[in-house]
Amino acid sequence: MIGQLIDLIGGWREVRASMGFSYQVARSGKRRIIPIDGYRKRGLADEQWVGTGTFADDGLSERFRDFSYVAPREPKRSRLAKQDFALKR
């Protein structure tokens, strides 16, 4: 709790929390990545963000923003005469 108070006074602001890491920016423009305590399954930290300020998955979200998946519907009933019983087990 004292660490959070010092961070607040120092001017650190959380930009994003993802995969067990907190991405923070200071008022001066410095960036840091802090692991979140108690997070069960931690992923890899995005070190590109510290150097450039852009997240690695920003390009993916732009590319697939309008993507939607519609699962093919299988017919509810099929005629028994048209089924091949040898192939389906």
N, C-alpha and C. Protein backbone atom coordinates (compact mmCIF):
# COMPACT_ATOMS: atom_id res chain seq x y z
N MET A 1 0.83 -1.19 0.00
CA MET A 1 0.00 0.00 0.00
C MET A 1 0.87 1.25 0.00
N ILE A 2 1.96 1.21 0.71
CA ILE A 2 2.85 2.36 0.73
C ILE A 2 3.48 2.55 -0.65
N GLY A 3 3.78 1.44 -1.31
CA GLY A 3 4.35 1.53 -2.67
C GLY A 3 3.38 2.18 -3.64
N GLN A 4 2.10 1.88 -3.51
CA GLN A 4 1.10 2.52 -4.37
C GLN A 4 0.99 4.01 -4.10
N LEU A 5 1.11 4.40 -2.85
CA LEU A 5 1.05 5.81 -2.49
C LEU A 5 2.25 6.56 -3.07
N ILE A 6 3.42 5.94 -3.00
CA ILE A 6 4.62 6.58 -3.56
C ILE A 6 4.50 6.71 -5.07
N ASP A 7 3.93 5.67 -5.72
CA ASP A 7 3.72 5.74 -7.17
C ASP A 7 2.74 6.85 -7.54
N LEU A 8 1.71 7.03 -6.72
CA LEU A 8 0.74 8.08 -6.98
C LEU A 8 1.37 9.45 -6.85
N ILE A 9 2.19 9.62 -5.84
CA ILE A 9 2.88 10.90 -5.64
C ILE A 9 3.91 11.13 -6.75
N GLY A 10 4.58 10.07 -7.16
CA GLY A 10 5.58 10.17 -8.23
C GLY A 10 4.98 10.42 -9.59
N GLY A 11 3.68 10.21 -9.75
CA GLY A 11 3.01 10.53 -11.00
C GLY A 11 2.88 9.36 -11.96
N TRP A 12 2.96 8.13 -11.50
CA TRP A 12 2.79 6.99 -12.40
C TRP A 12 1.31 6.73 -12.62
N ARG A 13 0.95 6.50 -13.88
CA ARG A 13 -0.44 6.26 -14.26
C ARG A 13 -0.50 4.97 -15.06
N GLU A 14 -1.47 4.10 -14.74
CA GLU A 14 -1.60 2.83 -15.45
C GLU A 14 -2.28 3.04 -16.79
N VAL A 15 -1.63 2.55 -17.85
CA VAL A 15 -2.17 2.68 -19.20
C VAL A 15 -2.97 1.44 -19.56
N ARG A 16 -2.43 0.28 -19.20
CA ARG A 16 -3.06 -0.99 -19.54
C ARG A 16 -2.61 -2.05 -18.55
N ALA A 17 -3.49 -3.00 -18.28
CA ALA A 17 -3.13 -4.18 -17.49
C ALA A 17 -3.45 -5.38 -18.36
N SER A 18 -2.44 -6.18 -18.66
CA SER A 18 -2.64 -7.29 -19.58
C SER A 18 -1.69 -8.43 -19.22
N MET A 19 -2.22 -9.64 -19.18
CA MET A 19 -1.46 -10.88 -19.00
C MET A 19 -0.56 -10.86 -17.78
N GLY A 20 -1.03 -10.26 -16.70
CA GLY A 20 -0.28 -10.27 -15.46
C GLY A 20 0.70 -9.14 -15.28
N PHE A 21 0.68 -8.16 -16.18
CA PHE A 21 1.59 -7.02 -16.08
C PHE A 21 0.80 -5.72 -16.13
N SER A 22 1.28 -4.73 -15.40
CA SER A 22 0.70 -3.40 -15.41
C SER A 22 1.65 -2.48 -16.18
N TYR A 23 1.14 -1.85 -17.23
CA TYR A 23 1.94 -0.94 -18.05
C TYR A 23 1.66 0.48 -17.57
N GLN A 24 2.71 1.17 -17.11
CA GLN A 24 2.53 2.47 -16.49
C GLN A 24 3.40 3.53 -17.16
N VAL A 25 2.89 4.77 -17.13
CA VAL A 25 3.60 5.92 -17.70
C VAL A 25 3.71 6.98 -16.62
N ALA A 26 4.88 7.60 -16.54
CA ALA A 26 5.10 8.70 -15.59
C ALA A 26 4.74 10.02 -16.26
N ARG A 27 4.62 11.06 -15.45
CA ARG A 27 4.35 12.39 -16.02
C ARG A 27 5.48 12.86 -16.91
N SER A 28 6.68 12.41 -16.62
CA SER A 28 7.84 12.82 -17.43
C SER A 28 7.94 12.07 -18.75
N GLY A 29 7.11 11.03 -18.93
CA GLY A 29 7.11 10.29 -20.19
C GLY A 29 7.81 8.94 -20.11
N LYS A 30 8.41 8.62 -18.97
CA LYS A 30 9.05 7.31 -18.80
C LYS A 30 7.99 6.23 -18.76
N ARG A 31 8.37 5.05 -19.23
CA ARG A 31 7.45 3.91 -19.22
C ARG A 31 8.06 2.79 -18.40
N ARG A 32 7.19 2.01 -17.73
CA ARG A 32 7.68 0.84 -17.00
C ARG A 32 6.61 -0.24 -17.01
N ILE A 33 7.07 -1.48 -16.79
CA ILE A 33 6.19 -2.64 -16.73
C ILE A 33 6.37 -3.27 -15.35
N ILE A 34 5.27 -3.41 -14.62
CA ILE A 34 5.29 -3.95 -13.27
C ILE A 34 4.48 -5.24 -13.26
N PRO A 35 5.04 -6.36 -12.74
CA PRO A 35 4.23 -7.58 -12.61
C PRO A 35 3.15 -7.41 -11.54
N ILE A 36 1.97 -7.93 -11.81
CA ILE A 36 0.85 -7.85 -10.86
C ILE A 36 0.99 -9.01 -9.88
N ASP A 37 0.97 -8.70 -8.60
CA ASP A 37 1.10 -9.73 -7.56
C ASP A 37 -0.15 -10.61 -7.53
N GLY A 38 0.06 -11.91 -7.37
CA GLY A 38 -1.05 -12.84 -7.23
C GLY A 38 -1.68 -13.25 -8.54
N TYR A 39 -1.11 -12.86 -9.66
CA TYR A 39 -1.67 -13.26 -10.95
C TYR A 39 -1.23 -14.69 -11.23
N ARG A 40 -2.18 -15.58 -11.53
CA ARG A 40 -1.88 -17.00 -11.63
C ARG A 40 -1.03 -17.37 -12.83
N LYS A 41 -1.49 -17.04 -14.01
CA LYS A 41 -0.82 -17.47 -15.23
C LYS A 41 -0.30 -16.25 -15.96
N ARG A 42 0.94 -15.93 -15.75
CA ARG A 42 1.51 -14.71 -16.32
C ARG A 42 2.06 -15.00 -17.70
N GLY A 43 1.80 -14.10 -18.65
CA GLY A 43 2.32 -14.23 -20.00
C GLY A 43 3.65 -13.50 -20.15
N LEU A 44 3.99 -13.18 -21.37
CA LEU A 44 5.22 -12.44 -21.64
C LEU A 44 4.93 -10.94 -21.63
N ALA A 45 5.84 -10.18 -21.06
CA ALA A 45 5.68 -8.72 -21.05
C ALA A 45 5.99 -8.16 -22.44
N ASP A 46 5.30 -7.13 -22.81
CA ASP A 46 5.49 -6.49 -24.11
C ASP A 46 6.61 -5.45 -23.99
N GLU A 47 7.83 -5.89 -24.18
CA GLU A 47 8.99 -5.00 -24.02
C GLU A 47 9.07 -3.95 -25.13
N GLN A 48 8.40 -4.20 -26.26
CA GLN A 48 8.38 -3.22 -27.36
C GLN A 48 7.73 -1.92 -26.89
N TRP A 49 6.77 -2.01 -26.00
CA TRP A 49 6.06 -0.83 -25.53
C TRP A 49 6.98 0.11 -24.76
N VAL A 50 7.94 -0.43 -24.02
CA VAL A 50 8.86 0.42 -23.25
C VAL A 50 9.69 1.28 -24.19
N GLY A 51 10.14 0.70 -25.30
CA GLY A 51 11.00 1.44 -26.22
C GLY A 51 10.25 2.37 -27.16
N THR A 52 9.13 1.89 -27.71
CA THR A 52 8.45 2.68 -28.75
C THR A 52 7.16 3.34 -28.30
N GLY A 53 6.50 2.79 -27.29
CA GLY A 53 5.23 3.35 -26.84
C GLY A 53 4.03 2.76 -27.55
N THR A 54 4.25 1.81 -28.45
CA THR A 54 3.13 1.13 -29.12
C THR A 54 3.13 -0.33 -28.70
N PHE A 55 1.95 -0.86 -28.47
CA PHE A 55 1.82 -2.26 -28.09
C PHE A 55 1.92 -3.14 -29.33
N ALA A 56 2.44 -4.35 -29.14
CA ALA A 56 2.64 -5.26 -30.27
C ALA A 56 1.31 -5.72 -30.86
N ASP A 57 0.26 -5.77 -30.06
CA ASP A 57 -1.02 -6.26 -30.58
C ASP A 57 -1.91 -5.16 -31.13
N ASP A 58 -1.44 -3.91 -31.18
CA ASP A 58 -2.25 -2.84 -31.76
C ASP A 58 -2.53 -3.07 -33.23
N GLY A 59 -1.55 -3.57 -33.97
CA GLY A 59 -1.75 -3.84 -35.39
C GLY A 59 -2.76 -4.94 -35.62
N LEU A 60 -2.76 -5.94 -34.76
CA LEU A 60 -3.73 -7.03 -34.89
C LEU A 60 -5.15 -6.55 -34.64
N SER A 61 -5.32 -5.71 -33.65
CA SER A 61 -6.67 -5.23 -33.37
C SER A 61 -7.19 -4.36 -34.51
N GLU A 62 -6.32 -3.63 -35.19
CA GLU A 62 -6.75 -2.84 -36.35
C GLU A 62 -7.13 -3.74 -37.52
N ARG A 63 -6.34 -4.79 -37.75
CA ARG A 63 -6.59 -5.68 -38.89
C ARG A 63 -7.88 -6.47 -38.73
N PHE A 64 -8.17 -6.92 -37.51
CA PHE A 64 -9.31 -7.80 -37.29
C PHE A 64 -10.46 -7.12 -36.56
N ARG A 65 -10.54 -5.83 -36.64
CA ARG A 65 -11.60 -5.09 -35.94
C ARG A 65 -12.99 -5.46 -36.45
N ASP A 66 -13.16 -5.60 -37.76
CA ASP A 66 -14.48 -5.88 -38.32
C ASP A 66 -14.68 -7.37 -38.62
N PHE A 67 -13.83 -8.23 -38.10
CA PHE A 67 -13.94 -9.65 -38.37
C PHE A 67 -15.02 -10.27 -37.50
N SER A 68 -15.84 -11.10 -38.11
CA SER A 68 -16.83 -11.86 -37.34
C SER A 68 -16.89 -13.26 -37.93
N TYR A 69 -16.99 -14.22 -37.06
CA TYR A 69 -17.02 -15.62 -37.47
C TYR A 69 -18.42 -16.16 -37.32
N VAL A 70 -18.93 -16.71 -38.39
CA VAL A 70 -20.24 -17.34 -38.37
C VAL A 70 -20.02 -18.82 -38.60
N ALA A 71 -20.35 -19.60 -37.60
CA ALA A 71 -20.15 -21.04 -37.70
C ALA A 71 -21.14 -21.64 -38.70
N PRO A 72 -20.70 -22.58 -39.51
CA PRO A 72 -21.63 -23.20 -40.46
C PRO A 72 -22.66 -24.03 -39.71
N ARG A 73 -23.87 -23.93 -40.17
CA ARG A 73 -24.96 -24.67 -39.53
C ARG A 73 -25.09 -26.04 -40.18
N GLU A 74 -25.21 -27.04 -39.37
CA GLU A 74 -25.45 -28.37 -39.88
C GLU A 74 -26.95 -28.59 -39.92
N PRO A 75 -27.42 -29.33 -40.91
CA PRO A 75 -28.87 -29.56 -40.97
C PRO A 75 -29.33 -30.36 -39.75
N LYS A 76 -30.53 -30.03 -39.30
CA LYS A 76 -31.05 -30.72 -38.12
C LYS A 76 -31.39 -32.17 -38.44
N ARG A 77 -31.92 -32.39 -39.63
CA ARG A 77 -32.30 -33.74 -40.03
C ARG A 77 -31.71 -34.04 -41.40
N SER A 78 -31.40 -35.26 -41.61
CA SER A 78 -30.97 -35.66 -42.95
C SER A 78 -31.69 -36.96 -43.30
N ARG A 79 -31.90 -37.14 -44.55
CA ARG A 79 -32.62 -38.33 -44.99
C ARG A 79 -31.73 -39.56 -44.82
N LEU A 80 -32.29 -40.60 -44.28
CA LEU A 80 -31.53 -41.81 -44.03
C LEU A 80 -31.02 -42.45 -45.31
N ALA A 81 -31.75 -42.31 -46.38
CA ALA A 81 -31.35 -42.93 -47.64
C ALA A 81 -30.11 -42.27 -48.21
N LYS A 82 -29.85 -41.02 -47.83
CA LYS A 82 -28.71 -40.30 -48.40
C LYS A 82 -27.46 -40.38 -47.51
N GLN A 83 -27.54 -40.98 -46.36
CA GLN A 83 -26.38 -41.09 -45.49
C GLN A 83 -25.56 -42.31 -45.86
N ASP A 84 -24.28 -42.20 -45.70
CA ASP A 84 -23.40 -43.33 -45.94
C ASP A 84 -23.03 -43.91 -44.57
N PHE A 85 -23.63 -45.03 -44.25
CA PHE A 85 -23.44 -45.61 -42.91
C PHE A 85 -22.03 -46.19 -42.73
N ALA A 86 -21.33 -46.48 -43.80
CA ALA A 86 -20.00 -47.07 -43.67
C ALA A 86 -18.99 -46.01 -43.21
N LEU A 87 -19.20 -44.75 -43.58
CA LEU A 87 -18.24 -43.71 -43.23
C LEU A 87 -18.47 -43.14 -41.85
N LYS A 88 -19.71 -43.10 -41.41
CA LYS A 88 -20.01 -42.53 -40.09
C LYS A 88 -20.03 -43.65 -39.07
N ARG A 89 -19.29 -43.48 -38.01
CA ARG A 89 -19.25 -44.50 -36.96
C ARG A 89 -19.56 -43.87 -35.64
